[in-house]
Amino acid sequence: MFLIRFLRKKTELWNAIISAYVVNGCADNVSKIYKQMKLLKIPTDTLTVTDVLSSCSSVGSYDFGSLIHTELEKKRPVQSNVALQSALSTVLETR
């Protein structure tokens, strides 16, 4: 619980955790971390979403990737970020 309190509202720290999971082959845990961020109302940024989408394509979680895509359409312009566009297209094309 201490760790959760420490990480509260620190998007960069949560991004580091998500990136570490992706890089170390534990992409299946990323959706759990992302859901925890949302539950705690921790703001996400482009790096968060890019890593989450990357993990979705790694583990074949296309439904979760589509859910992220729907969230993106509502709040963030995708066309302004090449890495985000690439991660999104990878998830949607492999479906």
PDB file of N, CA and C in Angstrom:
ATOM      1  N   MET A   1       0.813  -1.182   0.000  1.00  0.00           N
ATOM      2  CA  MET A   1       0.000   0.000   0.000  1.00  0.00           C
ATOM      3  C   MET A   1       0.869   1.262   0.000  1.00  0.00           C
ATOM      4  N   PHE A   2       2.017   1.202   0.643  1.00  0.00           N
ATOM      5  CA  PHE A   2       2.929   2.345   0.654  1.00  0.00           C
ATOM      6  C   PHE A   2       3.303   2.737  -0.768  1.00  0.00           C
ATOM      7  N   LEU A   3       3.593   1.729  -1.583  1.00  0.00           N
ATOM      8  CA  LEU A   3       3.996   1.998  -2.959  1.00  0.00           C
ATOM      9  C   LEU A   3       2.878   2.712  -3.719  1.00  0.00           C
ATOM     10  N   ILE A   4       1.646   2.279  -3.540  1.00  0.00           N
ATOM     11  CA  ILE A   4       0.517   2.916  -4.216  1.00  0.00           C
ATOM     12  C   ILE A   4       0.392   4.374  -3.785  1.00  0.00           C
ATOM     13  N   ARG A   5       0.520   4.641  -2.489  1.00  0.00           N
ATOM     14  CA  ARG A   5       0.439   6.034  -2.010  1.00  0.00           C
ATOM     15  C   ARG A   5       1.570   6.873  -2.578  1.00  0.00           C
ATOM     16  N   PHE A   6       2.760   6.276  -2.656  1.00  0.00           N
ATOM     17  CA  PHE A   6       3.926   6.976  -3.184  1.00  0.00           C
ATOM     18  C   PHE A   6       3.736   7.321  -4.663  1.00  0.00           C
ATOM     19  N   LEU A   7       3.137   6.399  -5.392  1.00  0.00           N
ATOM     20  CA  LEU A   7       2.984   6.571  -6.827  1.00  0.00           C
ATOM     21  C   LEU A   7       1.781   7.422  -7.221  1.00  0.00           C
ATOM     22  N   ARG A   8       0.935   7.732  -6.258  1.00  0.00           N
ATOM     23  CA  ARG A   8      -0.285   8.477  -6.556  1.00  0.00           C
ATOM     24  C   ARG A   8       0.031   9.778  -7.305  1.00  0.00           C
ATOM     25  N   LYS A   9      -0.607   9.946  -8.427  1.00  0.00           N
ATOM     26  CA  LYS A   9      -0.501  11.145  -9.265  1.00  0.00           C
ATOM     27  C   LYS A   9       0.880  11.355  -9.898  1.00  0.00           C
ATOM     28  N   LYS A  10       1.713  10.355  -9.902  1.00  0.00           N
ATOM     29  CA  LYS A  10       3.036  10.464 -10.522  1.00  0.00           C
ATOM     30  C   LYS A  10       3.042   9.663 -11.826  1.00  0.00           C
ATOM     31  N   THR A  11       2.532  10.254 -12.867  1.00  0.00           N
ATOM     32  CA  THR A  11       2.411   9.567 -14.151  1.00  0.00           C
ATOM     33  C   THR A  11       3.745   9.009 -14.625  1.00  0.00           C
ATOM     34  N   GLU A  12       4.808   9.759 -14.443  1.00  0.00           N
ATOM     35  CA  GLU A  12       6.124   9.325 -14.925  1.00  0.00           C
ATOM     36  C   GLU A  12       6.563   8.029 -14.250  1.00  0.00           C
ATOM     37  N   LEU A  13       6.290   7.887 -12.966  1.00  0.00           N
ATOM     38  CA  LEU A  13       6.668   6.666 -12.261  1.00  0.00           C
ATOM     39  C   LEU A  13       5.851   5.468 -12.739  1.00  0.00           C
ATOM     40  N   TRP A  14       4.571   5.687 -12.966  1.00  0.00           N
ATOM     41  CA  TRP A  14       3.726   4.616 -13.491  1.00  0.00           C
ATOM     42  C   TRP A  14       4.176   4.243 -14.905  1.00  0.00           C
ATOM     43  N   ASN A  15       4.551   5.237 -15.707  1.00  0.00           N
ATOM     44  CA  ASN A  15       5.057   4.954 -17.051  1.00  0.00           C
ATOM     45  C   ASN A  15       6.324   4.102 -16.989  1.00  0.00           C
ATOM     46  N   ALA A  16       7.183   4.392 -16.045  1.00  0.00           N
ATOM     47  CA  ALA A  16       8.417   3.607 -15.886  1.00  0.00           C
ATOM     48  C   ALA A  16       8.095   2.153 -15.557  1.00  0.00           C
ATOM     49  N   ILE A  17       7.114   1.948 -14.697  1.00  0.00           N
ATOM     50  CA  ILE A  17       6.713   0.577 -14.341  1.00  0.00           C
ATOM     51  C   ILE A  17       6.150  -0.142 -15.561  1.00  0.00           C
ATOM     52  N   ILE A  18       5.266   0.537 -16.288  1.00  0.00           N
ATOM     53  CA  ILE A  18       4.672  -0.074 -17.482  1.00  0.00           C
ATOM     54  C   ILE A  18       5.756  -0.389 -18.511  1.00  0.00           C
ATOM     55  N   SER A  19       6.659   0.546 -18.751  1.00  0.00           N
ATOM     56  CA  SER A  19       7.745   0.319 -19.717  1.00  0.00           C
ATOM     57  C   SER A  19       8.619  -0.858 -19.302  1.00  0.00           C
ATOM     58  N   ALA A  20       8.898  -0.953 -18.013  1.00  0.00           N
ATOM     59  CA  ALA A  20       9.715  -2.070 -17.516  1.00  0.00           C
ATOM     60  C   ALA A  20       9.023  -3.409 -17.766  1.00  0.00           C
ATOM     61  N   TYR A  21       7.731  -3.465 -17.547  1.00  0.00           N
ATOM     62  CA  TYR A  21       6.989  -4.696 -17.838  1.00  0.00           C
ATOM     63  C   TYR A  21       7.069  -5.047 -19.319  1.00  0.00           C
ATOM     64  N   VAL A  22       6.877  -4.068 -20.178  1.00  0.00           N
ATOM     65  CA  VAL A  22       6.910  -4.317 -21.622  1.00  0.00           C
ATOM     66  C   VAL A  22       8.289  -4.802 -22.057  1.00  0.00           C
ATOM     67  N   VAL A  23       9.329  -4.098 -21.636  1.00  0.00           N
ATOM     68  CA  VAL A  23      10.701  -4.424 -22.049  1.00  0.00           C
ATOM     69  C   VAL A  23      11.156  -5.784 -21.516  1.00  0.00           C
ATOM     70  N   ASN A  24      10.690  -6.149 -20.340  1.00  0.00           N
ATOM     71  CA  ASN A  24      11.138  -7.400 -19.720  1.00  0.00           C
ATOM     72  C   ASN A  24      10.222  -8.590 -19.987  1.00  0.00           C
ATOM     73  N   GLY A  25       9.378  -8.465 -20.994  1.00  0.00           N
ATOM     74  CA  GLY A  25       8.563  -9.601 -21.417  1.00  0.00           C
ATOM     75  C   GLY A  25       7.385  -9.916 -20.517  1.00  0.00           C
ATOM     76  N   CYS A  26       6.941  -8.970 -19.751  1.00  0.00           N
ATOM     77  CA  CYS A  26       5.794  -9.179 -18.857  1.00  0.00           C
ATOM     78  C   CYS A  26       4.609  -8.330 -19.298  1.00  0.00           C
ATOM     79  N   ALA A  27       4.405  -8.249 -20.602  1.00  0.00           N
ATOM     80  CA  ALA A  27       3.367  -7.376 -21.143  1.00  0.00           C
ATOM     81  C   ALA A  27       1.974  -7.765 -20.680  1.00  0.00           C
ATOM     82  N   ASP A  28       1.789  -9.015 -20.275  1.00  0.00           N
ATOM     83  CA  ASP A  28       0.467  -9.441 -19.822  1.00  0.00           C
ATOM     84  C   ASP A  28       0.042  -8.739 -18.531  1.00  0.00           C
ATOM     85  N   ASN A  29       0.977  -8.168 -17.789  1.00  0.00           N
ATOM     86  CA  ASN A  29       0.657  -7.442 -16.558  1.00  0.00           C
ATOM     87  C   ASN A  29       0.323  -5.966 -16.785  1.00  0.00           C
ATOM     88  N   VAL A  30       0.605  -5.473 -17.963  1.00  0.00           N
ATOM     89  CA  VAL A  30       0.440  -4.046 -18.237  1.00  0.00           C
ATOM     90  C   VAL A  30      -1.016  -3.611 -18.132  1.00  0.00           C
ATOM     91  N   SER A  31      -1.934  -4.416 -18.604  1.00  0.00           N
ATOM     92  CA  SER A  31      -3.344  -4.020 -18.541  1.00  0.00           C
ATOM     93  C   SER A  31      -3.794  -3.860 -17.091  1.00  0.00           C
ATOM     94  N   LYS A  32      -3.267  -4.691 -16.213  1.00  0.00           N
ATOM     95  CA  LYS A  32      -3.613  -4.573 -14.786  1.00  0.00           C
ATOM     96  C   LYS A  32      -3.093  -3.250 -14.213  1.00  0.00           C
ATOM     97  N   ILE A  33      -1.879  -2.889 -14.581  1.00  0.00           N
ATOM     98  CA  ILE A  33      -1.291  -1.633 -14.109  1.00  0.00           C
ATOM     99  C   ILE A  33      -2.090  -0.449 -14.660  1.00  0.00           C
ATOM    100  N   TYR A  34      -2.434  -0.515 -15.936  1.00  0.00           N
ATOM    101  CA  TYR A  34      -3.200   0.566 -16.564  1.00  0.00           C
ATOM    102  C   TYR A  34      -4.567   0.724 -15.889  1.00  0.00           C
ATOM    103  N   LYS A  35      -5.220  -0.386 -15.635  1.00  0.00           N
ATOM    104  CA  LYS A  35      -6.526  -0.332 -14.967  1.00  0.00           C
ATOM    105  C   LYS A  35      -6.398   0.260 -13.567  1.00  0.00           C
ATOM    106  N   GLN A  36      -5.317  -0.050 -12.882  1.00  0.00           N
ATOM    107  CA  GLN A  36      -5.077   0.510 -11.547  1.00  0.00           C
ATOM    108  C   GLN A  36      -4.873   2.025 -11.638  1.00  0.00           C
ATOM    109  N   MET A  37      -4.146   2.463 -12.659  1.00  0.00           N
ATOM    110  CA  MET A  37      -3.967   3.901 -12.870  1.00  0.00           C
ATOM    111  C   MET A  37      -5.310   4.592 -13.041  1.00  0.00           C
ATOM    112  N   LYS A  38      -6.165   4.005 -13.875  1.00  0.00           N
ATOM    113  CA  LYS A  38      -7.473   4.595 -14.131  1.00  0.00           C
ATOM    114  C   LYS A  38      -8.317   4.618 -12.854  1.00  0.00           C
ATOM    115  N   LEU A  39      -8.253   3.540 -12.095  1.00  0.00           N
ATOM    116  CA  LEU A  39      -9.011   3.446 -10.853  1.00  0.00           C
ATOM    117  C   LEU A  39      -8.581   4.524  -9.861  1.00  0.00           C
ATOM    118  N   LEU A  40      -7.290   4.789  -9.795  1.00  0.00           N
ATOM    119  CA  LEU A  40      -6.747   5.799  -8.890  1.00  0.00           C
ATOM    120  C   LEU A  40      -6.787   7.209  -9.490  1.00  0.00           C
ATOM    121  N   LYS A  41      -7.354   7.314 -10.688  1.00  0.00           N
ATOM    122  CA  LYS A  41      -7.472   8.600 -11.385  1.00  0.00           C
ATOM    123  C   LYS A  41      -6.116   9.275 -11.643  1.00  0.00           C
ATOM    124  N   ILE A  42      -5.136   8.444 -11.941  1.00  0.00           N
ATOM    125  CA  ILE A  42      -3.814   8.952 -12.305  1.00  0.00           C
ATOM    126  C   ILE A  42      -3.854   9.300 -13.789  1.00  0.00           C
ATOM    127  N   PRO A  43      -3.478  10.503 -14.140  1.00  0.00           N
ATOM    128  CA  PRO A  43      -3.558  10.893 -15.553  1.00  0.00           C
ATOM    129  C   PRO A  43      -2.583  10.092 -16.414  1.00  0.00           C
ATOM    130  N   THR A  44      -3.039   9.760 -17.599  1.00  0.00           N
ATOM    131  CA  THR A  44      -2.171   9.063 -18.550  1.00  0.00           C
ATOM    132  C   THR A  44      -1.652  10.069 -19.557  1.00  0.00           C
ATOM    133  N   ASP A  45      -0.580   9.706 -20.227  1.00  0.00           N
ATOM    134  CA  ASP A  45      -0.055  10.555 -21.289  1.00  0.00           C
ATOM    135  C   ASP A  45       0.223   9.695 -22.511  1.00  0.00           C
ATOM    136  N   THR A  46       0.813  10.286 -23.516  1.00  0.00           N
ATOM    137  CA  THR A  46       1.076   9.570 -24.764  1.00  0.00           C
ATOM    138  C   THR A  46       1.982   8.374 -24.554  1.00  0.00           C
ATOM    139  N   LEU A  47       2.990   8.501 -23.709  1.00  0.00           N
ATOM    140  CA  LEU A  47       3.882   7.377 -23.434  1.00  0.00           C
ATOM    141  C   LEU A  47       3.129   6.230 -22.778  1.00  0.00           C
ATOM    142  N   THR A  48       2.264   6.534 -21.836  1.00  0.00           N
ATOM    143  CA  THR A  48       1.457   5.499 -21.186  1.00  0.00           C
ATOM    144  C   THR A  48       0.689   4.708 -22.230  1.00  0.00           C
ATOM    145  N   VAL A  49      -0.043   5.424 -23.057  1.00  0.00           N
ATOM    146  CA  VAL A  49      -0.916   4.778 -24.029  1.00  0.00           C
ATOM    147  C   VAL A  49      -0.114   4.009 -25.079  1.00  0.00           C
ATOM    148  N   THR A  50       0.997   4.564 -25.511  1.00  0.00           N
ATOM    149  CA  THR A  50       1.838   3.878 -26.489  1.00  0.00           C
ATOM    150  C   THR A  50       2.346   2.551 -25.942  1.00  0.00           C
ATOM    151  N   ASP A  51       2.835   2.541 -24.708  1.00  0.00           N
ATOM    152  CA  ASP A  51       3.320   1.300 -24.102  1.00  0.00           C
ATOM    153  C   ASP A  51       2.192   0.299 -23.863  1.00  0.00           C
ATOM    154  N   VAL A  52       1.035   0.785 -23.455  1.00  0.00           N
ATOM    155  CA  VAL A  52      -0.103  -0.119 -23.228  1.00  0.00           C
ATOM    156  C   VAL A  52      -0.528  -0.759 -24.547  1.00  0.00           C
ATOM    157  N   LEU A  53      -0.610   0.038 -25.607  1.00  0.00           N
ATOM    158  CA  LEU A  53      -0.969  -0.519 -26.909  1.00  0.00           C
ATOM    159  C   LEU A  53       0.074  -1.519 -27.404  1.00  0.00           C
ATOM    160  N   SER A  54       1.334  -1.223 -27.171  1.00  0.00           N
ATOM    161  CA  SER A  54       2.402  -2.142 -27.545  1.00  0.00           C
ATOM    162  C   SER A  54       2.252  -3.475 -26.812  1.00  0.00           C
ATOM    163  N   SER A  55       1.921  -3.399 -25.544  1.00  0.00           N
ATOM    164  CA  SER A  55       1.736  -4.635 -24.768  1.00  0.00           C
ATOM    165  C   SER A  55       0.516  -5.404 -25.263  1.00  0.00           C
ATOM    166  N   CYS A  56      -0.526  -4.688 -25.670  1.00  0.00           N
ATOM    167  CA  CYS A  56      -1.727  -5.351 -26.192  1.00  0.00           C
ATOM    168  C   CYS A  56      -1.397  -6.177 -27.427  1.00  0.00           C
ATOM    169  N   SER A  57      -0.603  -5.611 -28.322  1.00  0.00           N
ATOM    170  CA  SER A  57      -0.251  -6.373 -29.524  1.00  0.00           C
ATOM    171  C   SER A  57       0.693  -7.527 -29.189  1.00  0.00           C
ATOM    172  N   SER A  58       1.527  -7.377 -28.172  1.00  0.00           N
ATOM    173  CA  SER A  58       2.452  -8.450 -27.777  1.00  0.00           C
ATOM    174  C   SER A  58       1.729  -9.676 -27.242  1.00  0.00           C
ATOM    175  N   VAL A  59       0.665  -9.444 -26.480  1.00  0.00           N
ATOM    176  CA  VAL A  59      -0.033 -10.565 -25.840  1.00  0.00           C
ATOM    177  C   VAL A  59      -1.347 -10.920 -26.536  1.00  0.00           C
ATOM    178  N   GLY A  60      -1.650 -10.218 -27.625  1.00  0.00           N
ATOM    179  CA  GLY A  60      -2.869 -10.517 -28.370  1.00  0.00           C
ATOM    180  C   GLY A  60      -4.144 -10.033 -27.699  1.00  0.00           C
ATOM    181  N   SER A  61      -4.023  -8.991 -26.918  1.00  0.00           N
ATOM    182  CA  SER A  61      -5.180  -8.427 -26.215  1.00  0.00           C
ATOM    183  C   SER A  61      -5.814  -7.328 -27.067  1.00  0.00           C
ATOM    184  N   TYR A  62      -6.396  -7.751 -28.178  1.00  0.00           N
ATOM    185  CA  TYR A  62      -6.904  -6.796 -29.149  1.00  0.00           C
ATOM    186  C   TYR A  62      -8.162  -6.085 -28.671  1.00  0.00           C
ATOM    187  N   ASP A  63      -8.970  -6.751 -27.874  1.00  0.00           N
ATOM    188  CA  ASP A  63     -10.167  -6.097 -27.336  1.00  0.00           C
ATOM    189  C   ASP A  63      -9.783  -4.951 -26.399  1.00  0.00           C
ATOM    190  N   PHE A  64      -8.773  -5.195 -25.565  1.00  0.00           N
ATOM    191  CA  PHE A  64      -8.316  -4.134 -24.669  1.00  0.00           C
ATOM    192  C   PHE A  64      -7.684  -3.001 -25.476  1.00  0.00           C
ATOM    193  N   GLY A  65      -6.953  -3.346 -26.517  1.00  0.00           N
ATOM    194  CA  GLY A  65      -6.380  -2.331 -27.399  1.00  0.00           C
ATOM    195  C   GLY A  65      -7.455  -1.487 -28.068  1.00  0.00           C
ATOM    196  N   SER A  66      -8.546  -2.119 -28.466  1.00  0.00           N
ATOM    197  CA  SER A  66      -9.664  -1.384 -29.061  1.00  0.00           C
ATOM    198  C   SER A  66     -10.314  -0.454 -28.043  1.00  0.00           C
ATOM    199  N   LEU A  67     -10.383  -0.886 -26.798  1.00  0.00           N
ATOM    200  CA  LEU A  67     -10.919  -0.046 -25.733  1.00  0.00           C
ATOM    201  C   LEU A  67     -10.048   1.202 -25.554  1.00  0.00           C
ATOM    202  N   ILE A  68      -8.737   1.006 -25.577  1.00  0.00           N
ATOM    203  CA  ILE A  68      -7.803   2.135 -25.472  1.00  0.00           C
ATOM    204  C   ILE A  68      -8.007   3.079 -26.663  1.00  0.00           C
ATOM    205  N   HIS A  69      -8.189   2.498 -27.839  1.00  0.00           N
ATOM    206  CA  HIS A  69      -8.421   3.302 -29.035  1.00  0.00           C
ATOM    207  C   HIS A  69      -9.661   4.179 -28.863  1.00  0.00           C
ATOM    208  N   THR A  70     -10.716   3.613 -28.324  1.00  0.00           N
ATOM    209  CA  THR A  70     -11.943   4.376 -28.083  1.00  0.00           C
ATOM    210  C   THR A  70     -11.690   5.526 -27.112  1.00  0.00           C
ATOM    211  N   GLU A  71     -10.924   5.262 -26.052  1.00  0.00           N
ATOM    212  CA  GLU A  71     -10.570   6.324 -25.102  1.00  0.00           C
ATOM    213  C   GLU A  71      -9.776   7.431 -25.798  1.00  0.00           C
ATOM    214  N   LEU A  72      -8.864   7.036 -26.670  1.00  0.00           N
ATOM    215  CA  LEU A  72      -8.031   8.013 -27.381  1.00  0.00           C
ATOM    216  C   LEU A  72      -8.869   8.932 -28.260  1.00  0.00           C
ATOM    217  N   GLU A  73      -9.820   8.349 -28.942  1.00  0.00           N
ATOM    218  CA  GLU A  73     -10.657   9.153 -29.829  1.00  0.00           C
ATOM    219  C   GLU A  73     -11.385  10.252 -29.074  1.00  0.00           C
ATOM    220  N   LYS A  74     -11.685   9.992 -27.810  1.00  0.00           N
ATOM    221  CA  LYS A  74     -12.436  10.956 -27.011  1.00  0.00           C
ATOM    222  C   LYS A  74     -11.572  12.085 -26.457  1.00  0.00           C
ATOM    223  N   LYS A  75     -10.284  11.812 -26.183  1.00  0.00           N
ATOM    224  CA  LYS A  75      -9.543  12.824 -25.434  1.00  0.00           C
ATOM    225  C   LYS A  75      -8.190  13.263 -25.970  1.00  0.00           C
ATOM    226  N   ARG A  76      -7.658  12.633 -26.978  1.00  0.00           N
ATOM    227  CA  ARG A  76      -6.287  12.961 -27.377  1.00  0.00           C
ATOM    228  C   ARG A  76      -6.122  12.843 -28.890  1.00  0.00           C
ATOM    229  N   PRO A  77      -5.533  13.846 -29.538  1.00  0.00           N
ATOM    230  CA  PRO A  77      -5.314  13.746 -30.986  1.00  0.00           C
ATOM    231  C   PRO A  77      -4.194  12.744 -31.302  1.00  0.00           C
ATOM    232  N   VAL A  78      -4.543  11.703 -32.023  1.00  0.00           N
ATOM    233  CA  VAL A  78      -3.575  10.649 -32.335  1.00  0.00           C
ATOM    234  C   VAL A  78      -2.628  11.070 -33.450  1.00  0.00           C
ATOM    235  N   GLN A  79      -3.117  11.829 -34.399  1.00  0.00           N
ATOM    236  CA  GLN A  79      -2.311  12.149 -35.572  1.00  0.00           C
ATOM    237  C   GLN A  79      -1.049  12.945 -35.270  1.00  0.00           C
ATOM    238  N   SER A  80      -0.928  13.503 -34.086  1.00  0.00           N
ATOM    239  CA  SER A  80       0.233  14.324 -33.774  1.00  0.00           C
ATOM    240  C   SER A  80       1.421  13.531 -33.221  1.00  0.00           C
ATOM    241  N   ASN A  81       1.270  12.221 -33.065  1.00  0.00           N
ATOM    242  CA  ASN A  81       2.339  11.435 -32.469  1.00  0.00           C
ATOM    243  C   ASN A  81       2.579  10.157 -33.275  1.00  0.00           C
ATOM    244  N   VAL A  82       3.757  10.060 -33.891  1.00  0.00           N
ATOM    245  CA  VAL A  82       4.074   8.929 -34.758  1.00  0.00           C
ATOM    246  C   VAL A  82       4.147   7.614 -33.978  1.00  0.00           C
ATOM    247  N   ALA A  83       4.755   7.618 -32.798  1.00  0.00           N
ATOM    248  CA  ALA A  83       4.869   6.393 -32.009  1.00  0.00           C
ATOM    249  C   ALA A  83       3.489   5.878 -31.604  1.00  0.00           C
ATOM    250  N   LEU A  84       2.625   6.776 -31.227  1.00  0.00           N
ATOM    251  CA  LEU A  84       1.266   6.394 -30.852  1.00  0.00           C
ATOM    252  C   LEU A  84       0.497   5.863 -32.057  1.00  0.00           C
ATOM    253  N   GLN A  85       0.645   6.512 -33.202  1.00  0.00           N
ATOM    254  CA  GLN A  85       0.003   6.038 -34.430  1.00  0.00           C
ATOM    255  C   GLN A  85       0.469   4.627 -34.772  1.00  0.00           C
ATOM    256  N   SER A  86       1.758   4.396 -34.646  1.00  0.00           N
ATOM    257  CA  SER A  86       2.327   3.090 -34.972  1.00  0.00           C
ATOM    258  C   SER A  86       1.807   1.999 -34.036  1.00  0.00           C
ATOM    259  N   ALA A  87       1.808   2.276 -32.745  1.00  0.00           N
ATOM    260  CA  ALA A  87       1.313   1.295 -31.764  1.00  0.00           C
ATOM    261  C   ALA A  87      -0.156   1.002 -32.000  1.00  0.00           C
ATOM    262  N   LEU A  88      -0.917   2.027 -32.290  1.00  0.00           N
ATOM    263  CA  LEU A  88      -2.345   1.871 -32.526  1.00  0.00           C
ATOM    264  C   LEU A  88      -2.610   1.062 -33.785  1.00  0.00           C
ATOM    265  N   SER A  89      -1.898   1.366 -34.849  1.00  0.00           N
ATOM    266  CA  SER A  89      -2.112   0.628 -36.098  1.00  0.00           C
ATOM    267  C   SER A  89      -1.696  -0.831 -35.951  1.00  0.00           C
ATOM    268  N   THR A  90      -0.654  -1.113 -35.178  1.00  0.00           N
ATOM    269  CA  THR A  90      -0.231  -2.494 -34.952  1.00  0.00           C
ATOM    270  C   THR A  90      -1.326  -3.291 -34.256  1.00  0.00           C
ATOM    271  N   VAL A  91      -1.932  -2.704 -33.247  1.00  0.00           N
ATOM    272  CA  VAL A  91      -3.009  -3.398 -32.526  1.00  0.00           C
ATOM    273  C   VAL A  91      -4.212  -3.605 -33.422  1.00  0.00           C
ATOM    274  N   LEU A  92      -4.600  -2.586 -34.144  1.00  0.00           N
ATOM    275  CA  LEU A  92      -5.823  -2.662 -34.958  1.00  0.00           C
ATOM    276  C   LEU A  92      -5.648  -3.512 -36.213  1.00  0.00           C
ATOM    277  N   GLU A  93      -4.447  -3.527 -36.793  1.00  0.00           N
ATOM    278  CA  GLU A  93      -4.219  -4.300 -38.012  1.00  0.00           C
ATOM    279  C   GLU A  93      -4.090  -5.799 -37.744  1.00  0.00           C
ATOM    280  N   THR A  94      -3.599  -6.166 -36.588  1.00  0.00           N
ATOM    281  CA  THR A  94      -3.392  -7.584 -36.284  1.00  0.00           C
ATOM    282  C   THR A  94      -4.645  -8.257 -35.771  1.00  0.00           C
ATOM    283  N   ARG A  95      -5.671  -7.505 -35.645  1.00  0.00           N
ATOM    284  CA  ARG A  95      -6.936  -8.016 -35.120  1.00  0.00           C
ATOM    285  C   ARG A  95      -7.610  -8.923 -36.089  1.00  0.00           C
TER     286      ARG A  95
END
